[in-house]
Structure formats: structure tokens, C-alpha cells
Amino acid sequence: MRHPFVVAFLMTFAIAGVAPHAYAQAGADTYKSKCMMCHAADGSGSTPAGKSMGAIPFASAALVKTSDADLIAATTNGKGKMPAYKSKLTAPEIAAVVAYVRTLQK
């Protein structure tokens, strides 16, 4: 089941006529400024920082199966060596980044 906040947020965009793809693109700039240095442009985790922290590629089966709610929680609160972003990004920014990450998995 998806995180209720994400469902409500996506429904707001759907009602307003904004395509989910546009919502994912909103997360692209945030991804580039906050995530790419570790996770790489393609989500492979192949940067020096990503390799040293053990970043898992977004296309891995484990991350593809991970729910949006779990990805949001990991980004918000941190997980393993990944720091928490709750004081650096808003909840809508984190949800948009997760939507963008989903585009990297395809």
C-alpha cells in the first residue's frame, strides 16, 4: 500500500490535470542538487561517494520492489549510511524525488 500522503499528493496533481510524469520531473532538479553526487545521474550509485557508502542501484530488484512509502521514509529519516533529509527537503520535495527515482528504474 502506498503512503497516504503520496496518494493524496498525486491525486491533487491528477485532479489539477498535471500528469504524474510532470510530477516526477519536478523531482529531477532536487535529485540533481541533493542526490546525484552519491546515486549518479542514472541512479547506478557508481560515483566515488556512492561506492564508498555502498549505494544500491535504483534498478536493483530489491529497490524496484520497495514501496514508495519505504523510499520516502528512508529519504526522510536516513537509512544505513544515507543521511536523513527531513531537515533539508520538504515532504512534497521528497515525494517528488521518489517519483523521479521511479523514472530511473525503467
N, C-alpha and C. Protein backbone atom coordinates (compact mmCIF):
# COMPACT_ATOMS: atom_id res chain seq x y z
N MET A 1 0.84 -1.19 0.00
CA MET A 1 0.00 0.00 0.00
C MET A 1 0.88 1.24 0.00
N ARG A 2 0.48 2.23 -0.75
CA ARG A 2 1.25 3.46 -0.83
C ARG A 2 1.01 4.32 0.39
N HIS A 3 1.99 5.12 0.68
CA HIS A 3 1.90 6.07 1.78
C HIS A 3 0.71 7.00 1.52
N PRO A 4 -0.20 7.20 2.48
CA PRO A 4 -1.38 8.05 2.26
C PRO A 4 -1.03 9.45 1.78
N PHE A 5 0.06 10.01 2.27
CA PHE A 5 0.45 11.37 1.85
C PHE A 5 0.76 11.40 0.37
N VAL A 6 1.48 10.37 -0.11
CA VAL A 6 1.85 10.33 -1.52
C VAL A 6 0.61 10.19 -2.39
N VAL A 7 -0.30 9.31 -1.99
CA VAL A 7 -1.53 9.12 -2.76
C VAL A 7 -2.32 10.42 -2.82
N ALA A 8 -2.47 11.09 -1.69
CA ALA A 8 -3.20 12.36 -1.67
C ALA A 8 -2.51 13.41 -2.51
N PHE A 9 -1.20 13.47 -2.44
CA PHE A 9 -0.44 14.45 -3.19
C PHE A 9 -0.57 14.19 -4.69
N LEU A 10 -0.45 12.92 -5.09
CA LEU A 10 -0.58 12.58 -6.51
C LEU A 10 -2.00 12.83 -7.00
N MET A 11 -2.98 12.57 -6.16
CA MET A 11 -4.38 12.83 -6.53
C MET A 11 -4.59 14.32 -6.76
N THR A 12 -3.96 15.16 -5.96
CA THR A 12 -4.06 16.61 -6.14
C THR A 12 -3.58 16.99 -7.53
N PHE A 13 -2.46 16.42 -7.96
CA PHE A 13 -1.94 16.71 -9.29
C PHE A 13 -2.84 16.13 -10.37
N ALA A 14 -3.38 14.95 -10.14
CA ALA A 14 -4.26 14.34 -11.14
C ALA A 14 -5.52 15.18 -11.33
N ILE A 15 -6.09 15.65 -10.24
CA ILE A 15 -7.29 16.48 -10.31
C ILE A 15 -6.98 17.80 -10.99
N ALA A 16 -5.81 18.34 -10.72
CA ALA A 16 -5.41 19.62 -11.32
C ALA A 16 -5.01 19.46 -12.78
N GLY A 17 -4.93 18.22 -13.26
CA GLY A 17 -4.58 17.99 -14.65
C GLY A 17 -3.09 17.89 -14.91
N VAL A 18 -2.30 17.74 -13.88
CA VAL A 18 -0.85 17.60 -14.05
C VAL A 18 -0.54 16.11 -14.12
N ALA A 19 0.13 15.72 -15.16
CA ALA A 19 0.46 14.30 -15.35
C ALA A 19 1.49 13.85 -14.33
N PRO A 20 1.42 12.58 -13.91
CA PRO A 20 2.43 12.07 -12.98
C PRO A 20 3.85 12.25 -13.50
N HIS A 21 4.04 12.19 -14.83
CA HIS A 21 5.36 12.41 -15.39
C HIS A 21 5.86 13.82 -15.07
N ALA A 22 4.98 14.80 -15.14
CA ALA A 22 5.37 16.18 -14.81
C ALA A 22 5.74 16.27 -13.33
N TYR A 23 5.02 15.53 -12.51
CA TYR A 23 5.32 15.50 -11.08
C TYR A 23 6.72 14.92 -10.85
N ALA A 24 7.03 13.84 -11.58
CA ALA A 24 8.36 13.23 -11.45
C ALA A 24 9.43 14.20 -11.91
N GLN A 25 9.16 14.96 -12.96
CA GLN A 25 10.15 15.93 -13.44
C GLN A 25 10.39 17.02 -12.39
N ALA A 26 9.39 17.32 -11.59
CA ALA A 26 9.58 18.30 -10.52
C ALA A 26 10.65 17.81 -9.54
N GLY A 27 10.79 16.51 -9.39
CA GLY A 27 11.80 15.95 -8.50
C GLY A 27 13.18 15.88 -9.12
N ALA A 28 13.28 16.06 -10.44
CA ALA A 28 14.56 15.94 -11.12
C ALA A 28 15.57 16.98 -10.65
N ASP A 29 15.15 18.22 -10.51
CA ASP A 29 16.09 19.26 -10.07
C ASP A 29 16.57 19.00 -8.64
N THR A 30 15.66 18.58 -7.78
CA THR A 30 16.04 18.26 -6.41
C THR A 30 17.00 17.08 -6.40
N TYR A 31 16.71 16.08 -7.21
CA TYR A 31 17.60 14.92 -7.31
C TYR A 31 19.00 15.36 -7.73
N LYS A 32 19.07 16.20 -8.74
CA LYS A 32 20.36 16.65 -9.26
C LYS A 32 21.16 17.42 -8.21
N SER A 33 20.47 18.19 -7.38
CA SER A 33 21.19 19.00 -6.40
C SER A 33 21.48 18.27 -5.09
N LYS A 34 20.68 17.28 -4.73
CA LYS A 34 20.84 16.64 -3.42
C LYS A 34 21.23 15.16 -3.47
N CYS A 35 20.97 14.48 -4.57
CA CYS A 35 21.12 13.03 -4.59
C CYS A 35 22.17 12.51 -5.56
N MET A 36 22.34 13.24 -6.67
CA MET A 36 23.17 12.74 -7.75
C MET A 36 24.63 12.54 -7.36
N MET A 37 25.13 13.31 -6.41
CA MET A 37 26.54 13.18 -6.04
C MET A 37 26.86 11.79 -5.48
N CYS A 38 25.89 11.12 -4.93
CA CYS A 38 26.10 9.75 -4.45
C CYS A 38 25.46 8.71 -5.38
N HIS A 39 24.24 8.99 -5.81
CA HIS A 39 23.48 7.99 -6.56
C HIS A 39 23.74 8.00 -8.06
N ALA A 40 24.47 9.01 -8.60
CA ALA A 40 24.81 9.16 -10.02
C ALA A 40 23.59 9.61 -10.82
N ALA A 41 23.85 10.17 -11.97
CA ALA A 41 22.78 10.69 -12.83
C ALA A 41 21.79 9.61 -13.23
N ASP A 42 22.28 8.38 -13.40
CA ASP A 42 21.43 7.28 -13.83
C ASP A 42 20.91 6.42 -12.69
N GLY A 43 21.21 6.79 -11.45
CA GLY A 43 20.75 6.02 -10.30
C GLY A 43 21.54 4.77 -10.03
N SER A 44 22.71 4.64 -10.66
CA SER A 44 23.51 3.43 -10.51
C SER A 44 24.33 3.38 -9.22
N GLY A 45 24.49 4.54 -8.56
CA GLY A 45 25.31 4.59 -7.36
C GLY A 45 26.79 4.46 -7.65
N SER A 46 27.17 4.72 -8.91
CA SER A 46 28.55 4.47 -9.35
C SER A 46 29.51 5.63 -9.13
N THR A 47 29.11 6.65 -8.40
CA THR A 47 30.02 7.75 -8.10
C THR A 47 31.00 7.31 -7.01
N PRO A 48 32.12 8.01 -6.87
CA PRO A 48 33.03 7.66 -5.77
C PRO A 48 32.34 7.68 -4.41
N ALA A 49 31.51 8.70 -4.17
CA ALA A 49 30.80 8.77 -2.88
C ALA A 49 29.81 7.62 -2.76
N GLY A 50 29.10 7.32 -3.84
CA GLY A 50 28.14 6.22 -3.81
C GLY A 50 28.80 4.88 -3.56
N LYS A 51 29.93 4.67 -4.20
CA LYS A 51 30.67 3.42 -3.99
C LYS A 51 31.16 3.30 -2.55
N SER A 52 31.67 4.40 -2.00
CA SER A 52 32.20 4.33 -0.63
C SER A 52 31.09 4.14 0.40
N MET A 53 29.88 4.58 0.06
CA MET A 53 28.76 4.43 1.00
C MET A 53 27.92 3.18 0.72
N GLY A 54 28.25 2.48 -0.34
CA GLY A 54 27.50 1.27 -0.67
C GLY A 54 26.11 1.55 -1.21
N ALA A 55 25.97 2.62 -1.99
CA ALA A 55 24.66 2.97 -2.56
C ALA A 55 24.19 1.84 -3.47
N ILE A 56 22.96 1.43 -3.26
CA ILE A 56 22.36 0.35 -4.06
C ILE A 56 21.79 0.95 -5.33
N PRO A 57 22.06 0.37 -6.49
CA PRO A 57 21.49 0.89 -7.73
C PRO A 57 19.95 0.87 -7.67
N PHE A 58 19.35 1.94 -8.17
CA PHE A 58 17.89 2.04 -8.13
C PHE A 58 17.22 0.95 -8.96
N ALA A 59 17.90 0.44 -9.98
CA ALA A 59 17.33 -0.60 -10.83
C ALA A 59 17.43 -1.99 -10.22
N SER A 60 18.05 -2.10 -9.05
CA SER A 60 18.15 -3.42 -8.41
C SER A 60 16.76 -3.94 -8.07
N ALA A 61 16.60 -5.23 -8.13
CA ALA A 61 15.30 -5.84 -7.85
C ALA A 61 14.76 -5.44 -6.48
N ALA A 62 15.65 -5.36 -5.50
CA ALA A 62 15.21 -5.01 -4.14
C ALA A 62 14.61 -3.61 -4.09
N LEU A 63 15.25 -2.65 -4.75
CA LEU A 63 14.71 -1.29 -4.71
C LEU A 63 13.50 -1.11 -5.61
N VAL A 64 13.44 -1.84 -6.69
CA VAL A 64 12.26 -1.76 -7.56
C VAL A 64 11.03 -2.23 -6.78
N LYS A 65 11.20 -3.26 -5.95
CA LYS A 65 10.09 -3.81 -5.16
C LYS A 65 9.75 -2.96 -3.95
N THR A 66 10.65 -2.10 -3.51
CA THR A 66 10.42 -1.28 -2.32
C THR A 66 9.28 -0.31 -2.56
N SER A 67 8.39 -0.18 -1.60
CA SER A 67 7.24 0.70 -1.75
C SER A 67 7.67 2.17 -1.72
N ASP A 68 6.83 3.01 -2.30
CA ASP A 68 7.10 4.45 -2.25
C ASP A 68 7.19 4.92 -0.80
N ALA A 69 6.32 4.40 0.05
CA ALA A 69 6.33 4.80 1.46
C ALA A 69 7.66 4.48 2.12
N ASP A 70 8.23 3.31 1.80
CA ASP A 70 9.52 2.94 2.38
C ASP A 70 10.66 3.80 1.83
N LEU A 71 10.59 4.13 0.53
CA LEU A 71 11.61 5.02 -0.04
C LEU A 71 11.51 6.42 0.55
N ILE A 72 10.29 6.89 0.76
CA ILE A 72 10.09 8.20 1.39
C ILE A 72 10.63 8.18 2.82
N ALA A 73 10.35 7.11 3.55
CA ALA A 73 10.83 7.01 4.93
C ALA A 73 12.36 6.97 4.97
N ALA A 74 12.99 6.22 4.05
CA ALA A 74 14.45 6.14 4.02
C ALA A 74 15.06 7.49 3.70
N THR A 75 14.44 8.23 2.78
CA THR A 75 14.96 9.55 2.43
C THR A 75 14.73 10.54 3.56
N THR A 76 13.58 10.47 4.17
CA THR A 76 13.23 11.39 5.26
C THR A 76 14.10 11.16 6.49
N ASN A 77 14.21 9.90 6.90
CA ASN A 77 14.86 9.56 8.17
C ASN A 77 16.28 9.03 8.04
N GLY A 78 16.70 8.78 6.80
CA GLY A 78 18.01 8.18 6.59
C GLY A 78 17.92 6.67 6.74
N LYS A 79 18.89 5.98 6.14
CA LYS A 79 18.93 4.52 6.27
C LYS A 79 20.35 4.08 5.97
N GLY A 80 20.90 3.25 6.84
CA GLY A 80 22.28 2.83 6.67
C GLY A 80 23.19 4.05 6.70
N LYS A 81 24.01 4.20 5.68
CA LYS A 81 24.92 5.34 5.63
C LYS A 81 24.28 6.57 4.99
N MET A 82 23.06 6.43 4.47
CA MET A 82 22.39 7.58 3.85
C MET A 82 21.86 8.50 4.95
N PRO A 83 22.18 9.78 4.88
CA PRO A 83 21.71 10.70 5.91
C PRO A 83 20.23 11.02 5.76
N ALA A 84 19.65 11.52 6.82
CA ALA A 84 18.24 11.97 6.80
C ALA A 84 18.14 13.30 6.07
N TYR A 85 17.07 13.47 5.32
CA TYR A 85 16.84 14.71 4.60
C TYR A 85 15.62 15.47 5.12
N LYS A 86 15.08 15.07 6.26
CA LYS A 86 13.89 15.73 6.78
C LYS A 86 14.10 17.20 7.11
N SER A 87 15.33 17.59 7.42
CA SER A 87 15.59 19.00 7.71
C SER A 87 16.10 19.76 6.48
N LYS A 88 16.30 19.03 5.36
CA LYS A 88 16.84 19.65 4.15
C LYS A 88 15.82 19.76 3.03
N LEU A 89 14.82 18.87 3.03
CA LEU A 89 13.80 18.85 2.00
C LEU A 89 12.41 18.79 2.64
N THR A 90 11.44 19.35 1.95
CA THR A 90 10.05 19.26 2.43
C THR A 90 9.49 17.89 2.05
N ALA A 91 8.40 17.52 2.67
CA ALA A 91 7.74 16.24 2.34
C ALA A 91 7.35 16.19 0.86
N PRO A 92 6.78 17.26 0.28
CA PRO A 92 6.47 17.20 -1.16
C PRO A 92 7.73 17.06 -2.04
N GLU A 93 8.83 17.68 -1.65
CA GLU A 93 10.07 17.53 -2.41
C GLU A 93 10.57 16.09 -2.36
N ILE A 94 10.49 15.48 -1.19
CA ILE A 94 10.92 14.08 -1.06
C ILE A 94 10.03 13.17 -1.89
N ALA A 95 8.73 13.39 -1.85
CA ALA A 95 7.80 12.58 -2.65
C ALA A 95 8.08 12.75 -4.14
N ALA A 96 8.40 13.97 -4.57
CA ALA A 96 8.71 14.22 -5.98
C ALA A 96 10.01 13.53 -6.38
N VAL A 97 10.99 13.52 -5.48
CA VAL A 97 12.26 12.83 -5.77
C VAL A 97 12.01 11.33 -5.92
N VAL A 98 11.19 10.76 -5.06
CA VAL A 98 10.87 9.33 -5.17
C VAL A 98 10.17 9.06 -6.50
N ALA A 99 9.26 9.93 -6.92
CA ALA A 99 8.61 9.76 -8.22
C ALA A 99 9.65 9.82 -9.34
N TYR A 100 10.61 10.71 -9.22
CA TYR A 100 11.68 10.81 -10.22
C TYR A 100 12.55 9.55 -10.22
N VAL A 101 12.87 9.05 -9.04
CA VAL A 101 13.67 7.82 -8.93
C VAL A 101 12.97 6.68 -9.66
N ARG A 102 11.66 6.62 -9.57
CA ARG A 102 10.90 5.58 -10.28
C ARG A 102 11.13 5.67 -11.79
N THR A 103 11.32 6.88 -12.33
CA THR A 103 11.58 7.01 -13.76
C THR A 103 12.96 6.46 -14.12
N LEU A 104 13.89 6.49 -13.18
CA LEU A 104 15.23 5.95 -13.42
C LEU A 104 15.24 4.42 -13.40
N GLN A 105 14.19 3.83 -12.88
CA GLN A 105 14.13 2.37 -12.79
C GLN A 105 13.61 1.74 -14.08
N LYS A 106 13.18 2.53 -15.01
CA LYS A 106 12.60 2.00 -16.25
C LYS A 106 13.60 1.89 -17.35
